[in-house]
């Protein structure tokens, strides 16, 4: 699912008529001070990362003055929250809280639901999973009938909300569901939804994720990669995504796992898996022999030779990798000669640039005999350390991992001697 920062979700809330605190996104302590001065009141400084638990990580701080906001921003920027670096913060007005609620919509894929589920609770500000069941109102929304204003009035009222704020809160919950539908969300939550001391109802936070398959309908969102991605995509990642963006013939998932400066230090392998579970097996084999993967790649689902070729070329473009490893730890029912043709063409173009470079290929499954012939004949005579394996070693990750390590060690010795 494509994820959004809090401030991006709140922009969508504003367009949907859901009240949000006044605030501004900044990228430096100086900008934070100016933003706090503009607001002219106590503020909260909130890290903008695709991760929960910001408060527990110290990535949310309160500031009574612009100078305090500047200091807090300096402390938060550069922090890591669940492995994600904080590069920007949201400076928002501090709210006088009378009560906290929770409102959210998720997609329930269970067979008896298969649709959106609307939730409301009078106990917000904590993970919804920790709220007692009797404190959560839930409604499976009929996607044909839709949601009516009286539905949210009944839902909010059932949780004990009364008086003047009932309609305000019910209206926010109704608009939340509309925003969920319009933006093709998988998740859209307000936690907490705040009732202030002066009886305003304000969405104090936002958690939003959009269905990857619907992103083509929302170019205005500016999502660079149409799948779940927890970090800012690199040029490598964007190139990998371009293989899949308009060509749906099989999978060609490619992502950078280590920054180039780390790869250049040594010990990294250009990694190419076939099938998710099989790819995990190969990564584990690399870890056990003291090697690391510079990238994660998966070509499965019967991709064309051209997609496989592009993936191998991208893997080989990484400066500093010490081997290319095709981890086909599965008896694939796809026709493997497409892999064979793509791999041969890419390696014949790349290997002459790297004499003695290690290559380990494990390829088996449908059309295995023909595919093995293509690979062996196509790579014959090239100045490289090439080993090719078939179904005899399909589950022998320990052996294959050991062969990759042995060839890498030979390659290192040869280069250090020269």
Protein backbone atom coordinates (compact mmCIF):
# COMPACT_ATOMS: atom_id res chain seq x y z
CA UNK A 1 0.00 0.00 0.00
CA UNK A 2 1.23 3.49 -0.84
CA UNK A 3 1.69 5.35 2.44
CA UNK A 4 1.41 9.05 3.19
CA UNK A 5 2.91 11.42 5.70
CA UNK A 6 0.59 12.88 8.31
CA UNK A 7 0.63 16.32 6.72
CA UNK A 8 -0.32 14.86 3.32
CA UNK A 9 -3.28 13.05 4.85
CA UNK A 10 -4.36 16.23 6.61
CA UNK A 11 -4.30 18.12 3.31
CA UNK A 12 -6.82 15.57 2.05
CA UNK A 13 -8.85 16.01 5.24
CA UNK A 14 -9.02 19.77 4.62
CA UNK A 15 -10.28 19.19 1.08
CA UNK A 16 -12.90 16.83 2.52
CA UNK A 17 -14.15 19.36 5.05
CA UNK A 18 -12.59 17.70 8.11
CA UNK A 19 -11.13 20.26 10.53
CA UNK A 20 -7.39 19.95 11.25
CA UNK A 21 -5.01 22.01 13.41
CA UNK A 22 -3.25 25.01 11.90
CA UNK A 23 0.28 24.06 10.97
CA UNK A 24 3.18 24.02 8.56
CA UNK A 25 5.76 21.47 7.40
CA UNK A 26 9.39 22.57 7.82
CA UNK A 27 12.82 21.11 7.14
CA UNK A 28 15.07 23.15 9.42
CA UNK A 29 15.10 24.60 12.96
CA UNK A 30 15.05 28.12 11.54
CA UNK A 31 11.93 27.38 9.50
CA UNK A 32 10.34 25.87 12.61
CA UNK A 33 10.92 29.07 14.59
CA UNK A 34 9.30 31.16 11.87
CA UNK A 35 6.33 28.78 11.67
CA UNK A 36 5.83 28.95 15.44
CA UNK A 37 6.06 32.73 15.36
CA UNK A 38 3.42 32.82 12.63
CA UNK A 39 1.07 30.64 14.70
CA UNK A 40 1.67 32.80 17.79
CA UNK A 41 0.77 30.15 20.35
CA UNK A 42 2.22 26.94 21.91
CA UNK A 43 2.92 24.28 19.30
CA UNK A 44 3.63 20.60 18.92
CA UNK A 45 6.61 19.48 16.82
CA UNK A 46 5.90 16.16 15.07
CA UNK A 47 8.33 14.06 13.03
CA UNK A 48 7.02 13.16 9.57
CA UNK A 49 7.91 9.53 8.90
CA UNK A 50 6.05 6.49 7.59
CA UNK A 51 6.00 4.84 11.01
CA UNK A 52 3.91 4.74 14.15
CA UNK A 53 5.17 5.11 17.70
CA UNK A 54 6.61 8.58 17.17
CA UNK A 55 5.70 9.75 20.65
CA UNK A 56 7.39 6.77 22.33
CA UNK A 57 10.49 7.41 20.21
CA UNK A 58 10.77 11.03 21.36
CA UNK A 59 9.88 12.27 17.88
CA UNK A 60 6.96 14.39 19.11
CA UNK A 61 7.71 17.37 21.37
CA UNK A 62 5.78 20.33 22.75
CA UNK A 63 7.06 23.89 22.63
CA UNK A 64 5.64 26.99 24.33
CA UNK A 65 7.81 29.49 22.44
CA UNK A 66 9.33 29.84 18.96
CA UNK A 67 12.79 29.32 20.49
CA UNK A 68 11.65 26.05 22.07
CA UNK A 69 10.16 24.97 18.73
CA UNK A 70 13.50 25.69 17.05
CA UNK A 71 15.35 23.64 19.65
CA UNK A 72 12.89 20.73 19.51
CA UNK A 73 13.09 20.63 15.72
CA UNK A 74 16.87 20.46 15.88
CA UNK A 75 16.61 17.49 18.23
CA UNK A 76 14.07 15.62 16.08
CA UNK A 77 15.53 16.17 12.60
CA UNK A 78 18.00 13.41 11.78
CA UNK A 79 16.49 11.02 14.33
CA UNK A 80 15.64 7.48 13.27
CA UNK A 81 12.15 6.19 14.00
CA UNK A 82 11.89 2.46 13.29
CA UNK A 83 14.81 2.73 10.90
CA UNK A 84 13.47 5.77 9.05
CA UNK A 85 15.36 9.07 9.14
CA UNK A 86 13.35 12.18 10.05
CA UNK A 87 13.87 14.80 7.34
CA UNK A 88 10.91 17.09 8.05
CA UNK A 89 8.61 18.00 10.92
CA UNK A 90 5.10 19.36 11.23
CA UNK A 91 4.70 22.47 13.41
CA UNK A 92 1.10 22.59 14.62
CA UNK A 93 -0.95 24.49 17.14
CA UNK A 94 -1.14 22.74 20.50
CA UNK A 95 -4.74 21.76 21.25
CA UNK A 96 -6.49 22.05 24.62
CA UNK A 97 -7.88 18.54 24.86
CA UNK A 98 -11.17 17.76 26.57
CA UNK A 99 -11.58 14.25 25.12
CA UNK A 100 -9.93 11.95 22.57
CA UNK A 101 -11.79 9.70 20.14
CA UNK A 102 -10.81 7.26 17.39
CA UNK A 103 -12.32 7.07 13.91
CA UNK A 104 -11.12 4.91 11.07
CA UNK A 105 -11.93 2.93 7.95
CA UNK A 106 -10.07 -0.16 6.79
CA UNK A 107 -10.60 -2.81 4.13
CA UNK A 108 -11.49 -6.18 5.61
CA UNK A 109 -10.57 -8.89 3.09
CA UNK A 110 -12.24 -11.71 5.04
CA UNK A 111 -14.56 -13.79 2.88
CA UNK A 112 -17.66 -12.83 4.85
CA UNK A 113 -16.91 -9.08 4.60
CA UNK A 114 -14.71 -8.17 1.61
CA UNK A 115 -15.33 -4.48 1.97
CA UNK A 116 -14.78 -1.36 4.06
CA UNK A 117 -15.26 -1.43 7.81
CA UNK A 118 -16.03 1.85 9.60
CA UNK A 119 -14.96 2.10 13.25
CA UNK A 120 -15.48 4.61 16.04
CA UNK A 121 -14.38 4.62 19.67
CA UNK A 122 -14.62 7.12 22.55
CA UNK A 123 -11.16 5.95 23.65
CA UNK A 124 -8.67 7.50 21.23
CA UNK A 125 -5.00 8.31 21.51
CA UNK A 126 -3.96 4.68 21.92
CA UNK A 127 -3.59 1.77 19.51
CA UNK A 128 -7.09 0.66 18.52
CA UNK A 129 -6.01 -2.96 19.12
CA UNK A 130 -5.71 -2.21 22.85
CA UNK A 131 -9.23 -0.76 23.19
CA UNK A 132 -11.85 -3.13 24.70
CA UNK A 133 -14.32 -4.51 22.16
CA UNK A 134 -17.29 -2.97 23.96
CA UNK A 135 -15.73 0.46 23.42
CA UNK A 136 -15.57 0.13 19.62
CA UNK A 137 -18.51 0.56 17.26
CA UNK A 138 -18.00 -1.20 13.93
CA UNK A 139 -19.99 -1.18 10.73
CA UNK A 140 -19.47 -3.20 7.55
CA UNK A 141 -20.42 -0.65 4.91
CA UNK A 142 -22.43 -1.95 1.96
CA UNK A 143 -20.52 -0.62 -1.05
CA UNK A 144 -23.70 -0.65 -3.16
CA UNK A 145 -25.91 1.14 -0.66
CA UNK A 146 -23.13 3.36 0.66
CA UNK A 147 -23.12 5.27 3.93
CA UNK A 148 -25.82 7.68 5.09
CA UNK A 149 -25.43 10.53 7.63
CA UNK A 150 -27.83 8.80 10.02
CA UNK A 151 -25.51 5.76 10.04
CA UNK A 152 -22.68 7.74 11.59
CA UNK A 153 -25.08 9.54 13.96
CA UNK A 154 -26.28 6.16 15.24
CA UNK A 155 -22.73 4.82 15.46
CA UNK A 156 -21.36 7.76 17.44
CA UNK A 157 -24.43 7.93 19.66
CA UNK A 158 -24.12 4.21 20.47
CA UNK A 159 -20.75 4.96 22.10
CA UNK A 160 -22.32 7.42 24.55
CA UNK A 161 -21.61 10.68 22.74
CA UNK A 162 -24.39 13.19 23.38
CA UNK A 163 -25.21 16.86 23.23
CA UNK A 164 -24.00 19.50 20.80
CA UNK A 165 -20.84 17.62 19.80
CA UNK A 166 -22.74 14.54 18.59
CA UNK A 167 -23.49 15.98 15.17
CA UNK A 168 -20.00 17.48 14.82
CA UNK A 169 -18.30 14.15 15.48
CA UNK A 170 -20.79 12.18 13.36
CA UNK A 171 -20.20 14.63 10.51
CA UNK A 172 -16.41 14.11 10.70
CA UNK A 173 -16.86 10.32 10.68
CA UNK A 174 -19.17 10.60 7.65
CA UNK A 175 -16.68 12.80 5.79
CA UNK A 176 -13.88 10.43 6.74
CA UNK A 177 -15.62 7.58 4.96
CA UNK A 178 -16.23 9.73 1.88
CA UNK A 179 -12.54 10.67 1.78
CA UNK A 180 -11.66 6.98 2.11
CA UNK A 181 -13.77 6.13 -0.94
CA UNK A 182 -12.78 9.06 -3.13
CA UNK A 183 -9.07 8.44 -2.60
CA UNK A 184 -9.20 4.62 -3.00
CA UNK A 185 -7.75 4.06 0.47
CA UNK A 186 -6.98 0.78 2.15
CA UNK A 187 -6.65 2.55 5.51
CA UNK A 188 -7.71 6.00 6.69
CA UNK A 189 -7.66 6.75 10.43
CA UNK A 190 -7.90 9.70 12.80
CA UNK A 191 -6.27 8.90 16.10
CA UNK A 192 -6.90 10.93 18.07
CA UNK A 193 -9.96 12.85 16.96
CA UNK A 194 -9.94 15.69 19.47
CA UNK A 195 -12.76 17.47 21.25
CA UNK A 196 -11.18 20.69 22.51
CA UNK A 197 -12.08 22.62 25.65
CA UNK A 198 -13.86 25.19 23.49
CA UNK A 199 -15.96 22.40 21.85
CA UNK A 200 -14.16 22.18 18.51
CA UNK A 201 -13.79 18.75 16.88
CA UNK A 202 -10.40 18.44 15.16
CA UNK A 203 -8.46 15.63 13.49
CA UNK A 204 -5.18 15.75 15.42
CA UNK A 205 -3.48 12.96 13.47
CA UNK A 206 -3.85 11.00 10.25
CA UNK A 207 -2.80 7.55 9.09
CA UNK A 208 -3.44 6.94 5.42
CA UNK A 209 -2.59 4.26 2.88
CA UNK A 210 -3.90 4.02 -0.67
CA UNK A 211 -4.44 0.87 -2.74
CA UNK A 212 -1.44 0.41 -5.04
CA UNK A 213 -3.66 -0.72 -7.90
CA UNK A 214 -5.63 2.55 -7.80
CA UNK A 215 -2.72 4.97 -7.94
CA UNK A 216 -3.02 5.42 -11.70
CA UNK A 217 -6.28 7.24 -10.94
CA UNK A 218 -4.51 9.70 -8.64
CA UNK A 219 -1.54 11.34 -10.37
CA UNK A 220 -2.14 14.37 -8.16
CA UNK A 221 -0.84 12.38 -5.19
CA UNK A 222 2.66 12.33 -6.66
CA UNK A 223 3.44 8.76 -5.56
CA UNK A 224 6.69 7.75 -7.27
CA UNK A 225 6.42 3.99 -6.76
CA UNK A 226 3.08 2.21 -6.80
CA UNK A 227 3.69 -0.30 -4.02
CA UNK A 228 4.45 -0.25 -0.31
CA UNK A 229 7.72 1.56 0.17
CA UNK A 230 8.97 2.58 3.60
CA UNK A 231 11.78 4.87 2.47
CA UNK A 232 12.29 7.59 -0.08
CA UNK A 233 12.99 5.77 -3.37
CA UNK A 234 16.46 6.06 -4.87
CA UNK A 235 17.24 6.36 -8.58
CA UNK A 236 17.90 2.60 -8.50
CA UNK A 237 14.44 1.96 -7.03
CA UNK A 238 12.75 4.26 -9.54
CA UNK A 239 14.49 2.52 -12.43
CA UNK A 240 13.37 -0.87 -11.11
CA UNK A 241 9.79 0.34 -10.76
CA UNK A 242 9.79 1.58 -14.36
CA UNK A 243 10.08 -2.06 -15.52
CA UNK A 244 6.78 -2.87 -13.85
CA UNK A 245 4.90 0.37 -14.18
CA UNK A 246 3.53 -0.25 -17.67
CA UNK A 247 4.39 -3.91 -18.30
CA UNK A 248 2.27 -6.36 -16.32
CA UNK A 249 3.71 -9.54 -17.86
CA UNK A 250 5.07 -11.22 -14.74
CA UNK A 251 6.78 -9.63 -11.77
CA UNK A 252 10.06 -7.74 -11.77
CA UNK A 253 10.33 -6.39 -8.24
CA UNK A 254 13.66 -4.63 -7.64
CA UNK A 255 14.70 -2.58 -4.61
CA UNK A 256 17.97 -1.23 -3.29
CA UNK A 257 18.95 -2.76 0.05
CA UNK A 258 22.19 -0.90 0.80
CA UNK A 259 23.54 2.52 -0.16
CA UNK A 260 26.28 2.52 -2.84
CA UNK A 261 28.92 3.78 -0.41
CA UNK A 262 28.36 0.70 1.76
CA UNK A 263 28.41 -1.67 -1.21
CA UNK A 264 31.77 -0.29 -2.33
CA UNK A 265 33.29 -1.37 1.00
CA UNK A 266 32.90 -5.01 -0.06
CA UNK A 267 30.98 -8.09 0.97
CA UNK A 268 27.90 -7.39 -1.15
CA UNK A 269 26.34 -9.57 -3.83
CA UNK A 270 24.04 -8.55 -6.68
CA UNK A 271 20.99 -10.59 -5.73
CA UNK A 272 18.30 -11.99 -8.03
CA UNK A 273 15.58 -14.31 -6.73
CA UNK A 274 12.76 -16.18 -8.41
CA UNK A 275 9.65 -16.25 -6.21
CA UNK A 276 9.25 -14.56 -2.83
CA UNK A 277 9.79 -17.56 -0.53
CA UNK A 278 12.63 -18.91 -2.63
CA UNK A 279 14.25 -15.49 -2.65
CA UNK A 280 14.18 -15.41 1.15
CA UNK A 281 15.94 -18.78 1.20
CA UNK A 282 18.74 -17.40 -0.97
CA UNK A 283 19.12 -14.23 1.14
CA UNK A 284 19.40 -16.36 4.25
CA UNK A 285 22.09 -18.44 2.54
CA UNK A 286 24.10 -15.28 1.83
CA UNK A 287 23.83 -14.11 5.43
CA UNK A 288 25.03 -17.47 6.74
CA UNK A 289 28.25 -17.32 4.70
CA UNK A 290 29.01 -13.72 5.66
CA UNK A 291 27.83 -12.03 2.47
CA UNK A 292 25.18 -9.32 2.14
CA UNK A 293 22.75 -8.48 -0.65
CA UNK A 294 23.09 -5.09 -2.31
CA UNK A 295 19.60 -5.34 -3.76
CA UNK A 296 16.50 -7.47 -3.58
CA UNK A 297 15.11 -8.61 -6.92
CA UNK A 298 12.34 -11.06 -7.74
CA UNK A 299 11.34 -12.08 -11.26
CA UNK A 300 8.46 -14.53 -11.13
CA UNK A 301 4.99 -15.04 -12.54
CA UNK A 302 6.34 -15.81 -16.01
CA UNK A 303 8.03 -12.50 -16.90
CA UNK A 304 9.27 -11.88 -20.42
CA UNK A 305 12.94 -12.21 -21.33
CA UNK A 306 13.08 -8.43 -21.79
CA UNK A 307 11.98 -7.82 -18.19
CA UNK A 308 14.51 -10.33 -16.86
CA UNK A 309 17.22 -8.71 -19.01
CA UNK A 310 16.49 -5.24 -17.59
CA UNK A 311 16.54 -6.54 -14.02
CA UNK A 312 19.93 -8.24 -14.50
CA UNK A 313 21.34 -5.11 -16.14
CA UNK A 314 20.15 -3.01 -13.19
CA UNK A 315 21.62 -5.45 -10.66
CA UNK A 316 24.95 -5.43 -12.47
CA UNK A 317 24.98 -1.62 -12.56
CA UNK A 318 25.74 -1.47 -8.83
CA UNK A 319 29.38 -0.44 -8.32
CA UNK A 320 31.23 -2.65 -5.85
CA UNK A 321 29.17 -5.84 -5.98
CA UNK A 322 31.39 -8.93 -5.85
CA UNK A 323 29.08 -11.49 -7.49
CA UNK A 324 25.83 -12.01 -9.34
CA UNK A 325 23.65 -14.67 -7.76
CA UNK A 326 20.45 -16.03 -9.32
CA UNK A 327 18.65 -17.82 -6.48
CA UNK A 328 16.09 -20.05 -8.18
CA UNK A 329 15.31 -22.16 -5.12
CA UNK A 330 12.00 -23.39 -6.55
CA UNK A 331 10.62 -25.74 -9.18
CA UNK A 332 8.95 -22.93 -11.07
CA UNK A 333 6.04 -23.75 -13.38
CA UNK A 334 6.91 -20.75 -15.53
CA UNK A 335 8.85 -21.36 -18.71
CA UNK A 336 12.40 -20.78 -17.57
CA UNK A 337 13.85 -20.21 -21.02
CA UNK A 338 12.62 -16.61 -20.76
CA UNK A 339 14.89 -16.24 -17.75
CA UNK A 340 17.70 -17.98 -19.59
CA UNK A 341 17.56 -15.69 -22.61
CA UNK A 342 17.35 -12.51 -20.50
CA UNK A 343 20.20 -13.54 -18.20
CA UNK A 344 22.51 -14.55 -21.06
CA UNK A 345 22.00 -11.34 -23.01
CA UNK A 346 22.61 -9.14 -19.93
CA UNK A 347 25.66 -11.05 -18.68
CA UNK A 348 27.25 -11.23 -22.11
CA UNK A 349 27.10 -7.44 -22.15
CA UNK A 350 28.31 -6.92 -18.58
CA UNK A 351 30.85 -9.64 -17.76
CA UNK A 352 33.54 -8.57 -20.26
CA UNK A 353 33.83 -5.36 -18.21
CA UNK A 354 34.72 -7.43 -15.08
CA UNK A 355 37.21 -10.22 -15.80
CA UNK A 356 36.90 -13.14 -13.38
CA UNK A 357 33.64 -11.88 -11.89
CA UNK A 358 31.72 -14.56 -9.90
CA UNK A 359 28.37 -15.73 -11.26
CA UNK A 360 26.27 -18.46 -9.64
CA UNK A 361 23.04 -19.46 -11.35
CA UNK A 362 20.47 -21.87 -9.91
CA UNK A 363 17.72 -22.32 -12.50
CA UNK A 364 15.20 -25.14 -12.63
CA UNK A 365 11.54 -25.84 -13.29
CA UNK A 366 9.46 -25.90 -16.45
CA UNK A 367 11.58 -26.17 -19.65
CA UNK A 368 14.59 -26.74 -17.41
CA UNK A 369 16.62 -28.77 -19.89
CA UNK A 370 16.24 -26.20 -22.66
CA UNK A 371 16.93 -23.33 -20.25
CA UNK A 372 20.10 -24.94 -18.94
CA UNK A 373 21.34 -25.40 -22.50
CA UNK A 374 20.66 -21.74 -23.31
CA UNK A 375 22.55 -20.52 -20.23
CA UNK A 376 25.52 -22.87 -20.60
CA UNK A 377 25.97 -22.27 -24.32
CA UNK A 378 25.32 -18.54 -24.04
CA UNK A 379 27.89 -17.96 -21.30
CA UNK A 380 30.53 -20.36 -22.59
CA UNK A 381 33.96 -18.85 -23.19
CA UNK A 382 33.39 -15.70 -21.11
CA UNK A 383 36.20 -14.68 -18.73
CA UNK A 384 34.23 -15.08 -15.50
CA UNK A 385 33.82 -17.53 -12.60
CA UNK A 386 30.53 -19.06 -13.71
CA UNK A 387 28.79 -21.99 -12.02
CA UNK A 388 25.36 -23.19 -13.17
CA UNK A 389 23.13 -25.55 -11.16
CA UNK A 390 19.82 -27.30 -11.81
CA UNK A 391 17.17 -29.17 -9.79
CA UNK A 392 19.79 -31.37 -8.15
CA UNK A 393 20.49 -28.49 -5.76
CA UNK A 394 17.08 -26.81 -5.76
CA UNK A 395 16.78 -26.79 -1.95
CA UNK A 396 20.47 -27.01 -1.11
CA UNK A 397 20.91 -23.41 0.04
CA UNK A 398 23.91 -24.30 2.22
CA UNK A 399 25.83 -25.75 -0.72
CA UNK A 400 24.91 -22.94 -3.13
CA UNK A 401 25.73 -20.27 -0.54
CA UNK A 402 29.10 -21.91 0.02
CA UNK A 403 29.85 -21.83 -3.70
CA UNK A 404 29.06 -18.13 -3.95
CA UNK A 405 31.35 -17.42 -0.99
CA UNK A 406 34.17 -19.55 -2.45
CA UNK A 407 34.05 -17.75 -5.79
CA UNK A 408 33.93 -14.33 -4.11
CA UNK A 409 37.01 -15.23 -2.04
CA UNK A 410 38.88 -16.28 -5.21
CA UNK A 411 37.84 -13.07 -6.95
CA UNK A 412 39.09 -10.95 -4.05
CA UNK A 413 42.47 -12.70 -3.99
CA UNK A 414 42.90 -12.26 -7.71
CA UNK A 415 42.12 -8.55 -7.54
CA UNK A 416 44.33 -7.92 -4.51
CA UNK A 417 47.22 -9.75 -6.22
CA UNK A 418 46.89 -7.57 -9.30
